[in-house]
C-alpha cells in the first residue's frame, strides 16, 4: 500500500481537496519511513491513502512552525461512525 503525502500550496495544484490546493511532496510505502522538508510556517500535511478516491481516504495534521523536527505516525482505526478510518498523530 502506498500513501501519498501532500502539503498546502497556493502555487502548485497537484490535488484539490475541500477547495485547498495541495502539492505532492512524497510517497510513503507500507512499513517505511520518509523525511520531508516542509515550510517553516504552520502548514497542514495531508496523507492520502487511496489515489483513486482521495476525498474519501485522507487525513491531515497541522504542523506548527514551533514544532521543529517532528515525527508523525499514521495507522488505520476502525470507526463505523466516521467515513475516514485513518488517524494521524505526533510522536512524543
Foldseek 3Di string as FASTA:
>chain_A
DKKWKWKFDPPAAPDAEPNTRIDTFDIDDPPDDDDTDDDLAWIKMKIADDPVCRRQEMDIDIDHNPPPDWDKDKDFADDPVDSYRMDMDTDD
